[in-house]
Amino acid sequence: MNIKTFKALRDYVKGRISADDLVRVEKLFSYVMESTSKGESIINVEFQSNRDFLEKIGMSGDDIWIYEEVTSPYSNYEFFDRYSSTEDFMGGYTIYSYLDDENVELLEQISKAILPMKFDLDDDKFRRELSEKLMETFKSYTQNIIDEFSSERNNQIGKSLEEVIEKEMEEYFSQMDFEFNDRGFKVSVADLLMLYMQYNAIHLPLGDLLEKVYSDSSDAPGGWTEDWYQYTDDEKFDTISFNRYANRQLEEILETIQEDGEEEGVSFEDYLAMTDRITKKFEQDKFYYLPKDSSKETLFKVEGFEYPSMKITIQLSRGRNYKTLKLTEENFHNLLFQPSLFNLDAI
């Protein structure tokens, strides 16, 4: 049977050929869901692959690529690769703001043990210093957290993009009364006949008609690769899963720190208690006058703490001169209340 697609559609409506005959006429017709009214019967238009379909409607190569990546169950494309995720972390970005309260508390304890700086996740410099110290001291655990964050972020972007793409495709095809699916669309016989007449293309096979229809369209879906960063939707980021994984890694880091201290005969709980005693009276990185210095010439500030040595890092200031000391808690109190034991004039 050698009938052009348009004529076959018209003959089907008039009952001159069967649904099977209609499918045999046009290679893109895979089956027909018949209705009592022939014009309302639904034809499934199906290409060999979604790439063939998307190319036929004029989608760009970049958009076809992103479509295939986000809709394929086998895709493992990384919007954030390991290198860029690690680079962001080392710059003090991303991960810290996604940690829950429990993990922030763990991180604070870890920070007190490895970094002689005031714990302040709002401070850019502190985050960079902490990232560097974590990577230097606990590279494996830290990289695991980075990789998990990257994986969750990639999943989130993929899901967000998939939703956007499917919505745009459905809206685009619905304008022509087509029901979009992965490798084509469904359309009523009547609507397809109307499309042929609208474009005065009754002599064309369906593939050529579609090419003509979509070449005239200026609002085709696409442009998804131009700025995929806009699809980093935090509301769809799985913070629970990420924090659950990060918690295990941070617990491992803290346990390692505690074990190292126990080998030196130092309890980590005693260390934290010592830091709390000091910082409750003297805020870290803030200068105070020595309470027993009647001349009010010497200032001091608590810069940080060292574990497991149980030392307090103190900076003394007199005029424009500075001096750094590392003191036990006992000697720190001696400095405060018996400054004559220290050669302050040498500052």
Protein backbone atom coordinates (compact mmCIF):
# COMPACT_ATOMS: atom_id res chain seq x y z
CA MET A 1 0.00 0.00 0.00
CA ASN A 2 1.59 3.23 -1.16
CA ILE A 3 -0.44 6.05 0.34
CA LYS A 4 0.93 9.38 1.54
CA THR A 5 0.54 10.03 5.25
CA PHE A 6 -2.07 12.75 4.92
CA LYS A 7 -4.22 10.68 2.54
CA ALA A 8 -3.91 7.66 4.83
CA LEU A 9 -5.11 9.71 7.80
CA ARG A 10 -8.08 10.98 5.82
CA ASP A 11 -8.90 7.51 4.54
CA TYR A 12 -8.76 6.15 8.09
CA VAL A 13 -11.25 8.78 9.30
CA LYS A 14 -13.60 7.81 6.44
CA GLY A 15 -13.26 4.14 7.33
CA ARG A 16 -11.54 3.19 4.08
CA ILE A 17 -8.49 1.68 5.84
CA SER A 18 -7.92 0.05 9.21
CA ALA A 19 -5.73 1.21 12.10
CA ASP A 20 -3.17 -1.46 11.11
CA ASP A 21 -3.13 -0.13 7.56
CA LEU A 22 -2.54 3.37 8.91
CA VAL A 23 0.42 2.24 11.00
CA ARG A 24 1.96 0.52 7.98
CA VAL A 25 1.79 3.71 5.92
CA GLU A 26 3.87 5.93 8.23
CA LYS A 27 7.05 4.55 9.80
CA LEU A 28 6.72 6.93 12.78
CA PHE A 29 3.29 5.54 13.74
CA SER A 30 3.84 2.78 16.31
CA TYR A 31 0.21 2.08 17.20
CA VAL A 32 -3.29 3.57 17.22
CA MET A 33 -5.63 3.65 20.20
CA GLU A 34 -8.98 3.60 18.40
CA SER A 35 -12.07 5.54 19.37
CA THR A 36 -15.65 5.15 18.16
CA SER A 37 -15.08 8.48 16.46
CA LYS A 38 -12.12 7.84 14.13
CA GLY A 39 -10.94 11.46 14.36
CA GLU A 40 -10.56 11.09 18.12
CA SER A 41 -8.37 7.98 17.82
CA ILE A 42 -4.92 8.56 19.29
CA ILE A 43 -1.77 7.84 17.30
CA ASN A 44 1.48 7.14 19.10
CA VAL A 45 4.29 8.82 17.16
CA GLU A 46 7.59 7.22 18.08
CA PHE A 47 11.13 7.72 16.82
CA GLN A 48 13.89 5.12 17.14
CA SER A 49 15.52 7.17 19.91
CA ASN A 50 14.86 10.38 21.79
CA ARG A 51 17.94 11.85 20.07
CA ASP A 52 16.33 11.28 16.65
CA PHE A 53 13.18 12.94 17.92
CA LEU A 54 14.91 15.92 19.51
CA GLU A 55 17.07 16.51 16.44
CA LYS A 56 13.96 16.45 14.26
CA ILE A 57 12.31 19.22 16.30
CA GLY A 58 15.45 21.33 15.98
CA MET A 59 16.88 21.10 19.49
CA SER A 60 20.56 22.09 19.77
CA GLY A 61 23.26 19.51 20.36
CA ASP A 62 24.05 20.90 23.83
CA ASP A 63 20.42 20.74 24.90
CA ILE A 64 20.05 17.20 23.55
CA TRP A 65 23.12 16.22 25.57
CA ILE A 66 21.78 17.70 28.81
CA TYR A 67 18.35 16.17 28.14
CA GLU A 68 19.89 12.72 27.76
CA GLU A 69 22.08 13.16 30.82
CA VAL A 70 19.35 14.19 33.24
CA THR A 71 16.65 11.83 31.99
CA SER A 72 18.76 8.69 31.66
CA PRO A 73 18.70 6.34 34.69
CA TYR A 74 22.27 5.35 33.82
CA SER A 75 23.77 8.83 33.72
CA ASN A 76 26.63 9.59 36.10
CA TYR A 77 27.46 13.06 34.86
CA GLU A 78 28.96 15.39 37.48
CA PHE A 79 27.93 19.03 37.40
CA PHE A 80 30.28 19.44 40.38
CA ASP A 81 33.33 17.26 39.95
CA ARG A 82 35.70 16.29 42.75
CA TYR A 83 38.28 18.92 41.83
CA SER A 84 35.87 21.89 41.76
CA SER A 85 34.12 20.72 44.94
CA THR A 86 37.42 20.42 46.77
CA GLU A 87 38.52 23.80 45.46
CA ASP A 88 35.30 25.39 46.75
CA PHE A 89 35.79 23.77 50.16
CA MET A 90 39.38 24.98 50.41
CA GLY A 91 38.11 28.47 49.65
CA GLY A 92 35.78 28.20 52.63
CA TYR A 93 32.61 27.87 50.58
CA THR A 94 29.53 25.62 50.35
CA ILE A 95 29.76 22.77 52.85
CA TYR A 96 29.85 24.66 56.15
CA SER A 97 26.47 26.30 55.59
CA TYR A 98 24.82 22.89 55.04
CA LEU A 99 25.89 21.35 58.35
CA ASP A 100 23.17 20.91 60.96
CA ASP A 101 23.53 22.01 64.60
CA GLU A 102 24.88 18.65 65.76
CA ASN A 103 27.60 18.62 63.15
CA VAL A 104 28.50 22.26 63.78
CA GLU A 105 29.00 21.36 67.44
CA LEU A 106 31.23 18.42 66.45
CA LEU A 107 33.15 20.67 64.10
CA GLU A 108 33.65 23.22 66.86
CA GLN A 109 35.17 20.58 69.14
CA ILE A 110 37.45 19.40 66.36
CA SER A 111 38.43 22.97 65.56
CA LYS A 112 39.39 23.65 69.17
CA ALA A 113 41.79 20.73 69.01
CA ILE A 114 43.48 21.42 65.67
CA LEU A 115 43.20 25.16 65.00
CA PRO A 116 44.30 27.93 67.37
CA MET A 117 41.63 30.32 66.17
CA LYS A 118 38.28 31.44 67.48
CA PHE A 119 35.55 29.21 66.07
CA ASP A 120 33.48 31.44 63.79
CA LEU A 121 31.84 29.99 60.69
CA ASP A 122 30.73 33.49 59.68
CA ASP A 123 34.36 34.48 59.21
CA ASP A 124 35.78 33.82 55.73
CA LYS A 125 39.37 33.59 56.92
CA PHE A 126 38.47 31.14 59.67
CA ARG A 127 36.64 28.83 57.23
CA ARG A 128 39.62 28.84 54.87
CA GLU A 129 42.04 28.11 57.71
CA LEU A 130 39.83 25.35 59.06
CA SER A 131 39.47 23.77 55.61
CA GLU A 132 43.22 23.79 55.16
CA LYS A 133 43.83 22.27 58.59
CA LEU A 134 41.18 19.57 58.14
CA MET A 135 42.57 18.58 54.76
CA GLU A 136 46.11 18.61 56.10
CA THR A 137 45.36 16.59 59.24
CA PHE A 138 42.42 14.39 58.28
CA LYS A 139 42.49 14.27 54.49
CA SER A 140 40.62 10.98 53.98
CA TYR A 141 37.65 11.84 56.22
CA THR A 142 37.51 15.41 54.92
CA GLN A 143 37.59 14.31 51.29
CA ASN A 144 34.80 11.84 52.03
CA ILE A 145 32.59 14.69 53.26
CA ILE A 146 33.42 16.77 50.19
CA ASP A 147 32.66 13.87 47.84
CA GLU A 148 29.34 13.16 49.57
CA PHE A 149 28.34 16.81 49.33
CA SER A 150 29.27 16.81 45.64
CA SER A 151 27.24 13.65 45.05
CA GLU A 152 24.16 15.03 46.81
CA ARG A 153 24.47 18.32 44.95
CA ASN A 154 24.78 16.52 41.61
CA ASN A 155 21.67 14.47 42.42
CA GLN A 156 19.78 17.62 43.37
CA ILE A 157 20.72 19.48 40.18
CA GLY A 158 19.86 16.47 38.06
CA LYS A 159 16.41 16.17 39.65
CA SER A 160 15.73 19.90 39.38
CA LEU A 161 16.79 19.97 35.74
CA GLU A 162 14.72 16.89 34.94
CA GLU A 163 11.61 18.52 36.39
CA VAL A 164 12.24 21.74 34.46
CA ILE A 165 12.93 19.92 31.19
CA GLU A 166 9.87 17.68 31.43
CA LYS A 167 7.65 20.64 32.30
CA GLU A 168 8.95 22.75 29.41
CA MET A 169 8.63 19.89 26.95
CA GLU A 170 5.08 19.08 28.06
CA GLU A 171 4.03 22.74 27.87
CA TYR A 172 5.63 23.17 24.46
CA PHE A 173 3.93 20.17 22.87
CA SER A 174 0.59 20.80 24.55
CA GLN A 175 0.34 24.04 22.52
CA MET A 176 -0.21 21.79 19.49
CA ASP A 177 -2.37 19.31 21.39
CA PHE A 178 0.47 16.77 21.48
CA GLU A 179 1.12 14.64 24.53
CA PHE A 180 4.90 14.47 24.85
CA ASN A 181 6.72 11.27 25.77
CA ASP A 182 10.36 10.22 25.74
CA ARG A 183 10.74 9.33 22.06
CA GLY A 184 7.84 11.20 20.54
CA PHE A 185 4.27 12.15 21.31
CA LYS A 186 0.63 11.13 21.14
CA VAL A 187 -1.80 13.04 18.97
CA SER A 188 -5.37 12.59 17.78
CA VAL A 189 -5.94 11.81 14.13
CA ALA A 190 -8.03 14.98 13.76
CA ASP A 191 -5.34 17.22 15.24
CA LEU A 192 -2.68 15.72 12.99
CA LEU A 193 -4.85 16.27 9.93
CA MET A 194 -5.39 19.87 11.04
CA LEU A 195 -1.63 20.36 11.37
CA TYR A 196 -1.06 19.07 7.83
CA MET A 197 -3.59 21.52 6.45
CA GLN A 198 -2.33 24.41 8.59
CA TYR A 199 1.14 24.06 7.09
CA ASN A 200 -0.12 23.18 3.60
CA ALA A 201 2.09 20.10 3.71
CA ILE A 202 -0.24 17.30 2.69
CA HIS A 203 2.45 15.92 0.39
CA LEU A 204 5.01 15.40 3.17
CA PRO A 205 5.73 12.36 5.35
CA LEU A 206 5.32 13.06 9.05
CA GLY A 207 9.03 13.53 9.81
CA ASP A 208 9.33 16.28 7.22
CA LEU A 209 6.15 17.94 8.48
CA LEU A 210 7.53 18.03 12.03
CA GLU A 211 10.78 19.52 10.79
CA LYS A 212 8.81 22.26 9.03
CA VAL A 213 6.62 22.93 12.09
CA TYR A 214 9.53 23.25 14.50
CA SER A 215 11.73 25.26 12.15
CA ASP A 216 9.03 27.95 12.29
CA SER A 217 8.95 27.93 16.08
CA SER A 218 10.93 30.50 18.07
CA ASP A 219 9.96 29.31 21.52
CA ALA A 220 11.35 25.78 21.43
CA PRO A 221 12.45 24.42 24.82
CA GLY A 222 16.14 24.47 25.61
CA GLY A 223 18.92 26.71 26.86
CA TRP A 224 19.45 24.47 29.89
CA THR A 225 23.23 24.32 29.53
CA GLU A 226 23.71 28.08 29.53
CA ASP A 227 23.49 28.48 33.31
CA TRP A 228 22.79 25.24 35.14
CA TYR A 229 23.84 26.93 38.42
CA GLN A 230 20.32 28.37 38.59
CA TYR A 231 19.09 24.83 39.26
CA THR A 232 20.98 24.48 42.56
CA ASP A 233 17.78 24.46 44.57
CA ASP A 234 18.60 24.14 48.28
CA GLU A 235 15.05 23.08 49.07
CA LYS A 236 15.66 19.93 47.03
CA PHE A 237 19.13 19.27 48.44
CA ASP A 238 19.02 16.23 50.74
CA THR A 239 20.48 17.85 53.85
CA ILE A 240 19.37 14.96 56.05
CA SER A 241 21.30 12.38 54.05
CA PHE A 242 24.34 14.63 53.73
CA ASN A 243 24.44 15.44 57.45
CA ARG A 244 23.99 11.80 58.37
CA TYR A 245 27.08 10.91 56.33
CA ALA A 246 29.08 13.96 57.47
CA ASN A 247 28.28 13.08 61.09
CA ARG A 248 29.95 9.69 60.76
CA GLN A 249 33.09 11.26 59.29
CA LEU A 250 33.29 14.02 61.91
CA GLU A 251 32.77 11.46 64.68
CA GLU A 252 35.70 9.47 63.27
CA ILE A 253 37.88 12.60 63.25
CA LEU A 254 36.95 13.47 66.83
CA GLU A 255 37.55 9.90 67.97
CA THR A 256 41.02 9.97 66.40
CA ILE A 257 41.78 13.23 68.20
CA GLN A 258 40.62 11.81 71.50
CA GLU A 259 42.68 8.64 71.06
CA ASP A 260 45.80 10.67 70.27
CA GLY A 261 45.30 12.63 73.48
CA GLU A 262 44.77 9.48 75.54
CA GLU A 263 48.12 8.19 74.33
CA GLU A 264 49.62 11.34 75.87
CA GLY A 265 47.63 10.82 79.05
CA VAL A 266 45.30 13.75 78.31
CA SER A 267 41.51 13.62 78.41
CA PHE A 268 39.78 15.53 75.61
CA GLU A 269 36.94 16.36 77.99
CA ASP A 270 39.48 17.97 80.35
CA TYR A 271 40.86 19.95 77.43
CA LEU A 272 37.41 21.25 76.42
CA ALA A 273 36.67 22.10 80.05
CA MET A 274 39.89 24.10 80.21
CA THR A 275 39.08 26.04 77.04
CA ASP A 276 35.58 26.77 78.35
CA ARG A 277 36.95 28.09 81.65
CA ILE A 278 39.21 30.50 79.82
CA THR A 279 36.81 31.70 77.10
CA LYS A 280 33.98 32.30 79.57
CA LYS A 281 36.13 34.98 81.18
CA PHE A 282 38.17 36.15 78.20
CA GLU A 283 36.71 36.14 74.71
CA GLN A 284 39.11 34.78 72.14
CA ASP A 285 40.90 37.34 69.92
CA LYS A 286 39.87 40.24 72.15
CA PHE A 287 42.47 42.36 74.00
CA TYR A 288 42.21 42.92 77.76
CA TYR A 289 44.40 44.78 80.25
CA LEU A 290 46.33 42.59 82.62
CA PRO A 291 44.26 42.91 85.82
CA LYS A 292 47.30 43.39 88.08
CA ASP A 293 49.17 45.76 85.80
CA SER A 294 48.58 49.10 87.52
CA SER A 295 50.35 50.97 84.73
CA LYS A 296 47.76 49.77 82.23
CA GLU A 297 50.52 49.46 79.67
CA THR A 298 50.22 45.77 78.86
CA LEU A 299 47.36 44.14 77.00
CA PHE A 300 46.80 40.45 76.37
CA LYS A 301 44.49 38.31 74.28
CA VAL A 302 43.80 34.60 74.04
CA GLU A 303 44.73 33.56 70.52
CA GLY A 304 43.99 29.86 70.83
CA PHE A 305 44.66 26.53 72.46
CA GLU A 306 46.81 23.50 71.75
CA TYR A 307 45.86 19.88 72.20
CA PRO A 308 47.11 17.61 73.69
CA SER A 309 49.75 19.90 75.19
CA MET A 310 46.97 21.76 77.10
CA LYS A 311 48.70 25.06 76.28
CA ILE A 312 47.07 28.45 75.88
CA THR A 313 48.47 30.74 73.20
CA ILE A 314 48.62 34.31 74.51
CA GLN A 315 49.63 37.46 72.69
CA LEU A 316 50.97 40.35 74.79
CA SER A 317 50.91 43.89 73.51
CA ARG A 318 52.74 46.94 74.81
CA GLY A 319 52.66 49.99 72.57
CA ARG A 320 53.46 48.75 69.11
CA ASN A 321 55.35 45.71 70.32
CA TYR A 322 53.96 42.20 70.55
CA LYS A 323 55.04 38.94 72.09
CA THR A 324 53.49 35.46 71.92
CA LEU A 325 53.54 33.00 74.82
CA LYS A 326 52.32 29.43 75.15
CA LEU A 327 51.29 28.84 78.74
CA THR A 328 49.71 26.16 80.86
CA GLU A 329 46.47 27.17 82.56
CA GLU A 330 48.39 27.65 85.84
CA ASN A 331 50.94 29.95 84.24
CA PHE A 332 48.19 31.85 82.48
CA HIS A 333 46.68 32.67 85.87
CA ASN A 334 50.16 33.63 87.08
CA LEU A 335 50.39 36.04 84.19
CA LEU A 336 47.08 37.61 85.15
CA PHE A 337 47.66 37.92 88.88
CA GLN A 338 51.44 37.79 89.28
CA PRO A 339 52.74 39.55 86.17
CA SER A 340 55.99 40.31 87.98
CA LEU A 341 56.94 36.67 87.35
CA PHE A 342 57.19 37.54 83.67
CA ASN A 343 59.62 39.93 82.03
CA LEU A 344 57.03 42.27 80.60
CA ASP A 345 59.59 44.99 80.04
CA ALA A 346 61.16 42.76 77.36
CA ILE A 347 58.12 43.09 75.14
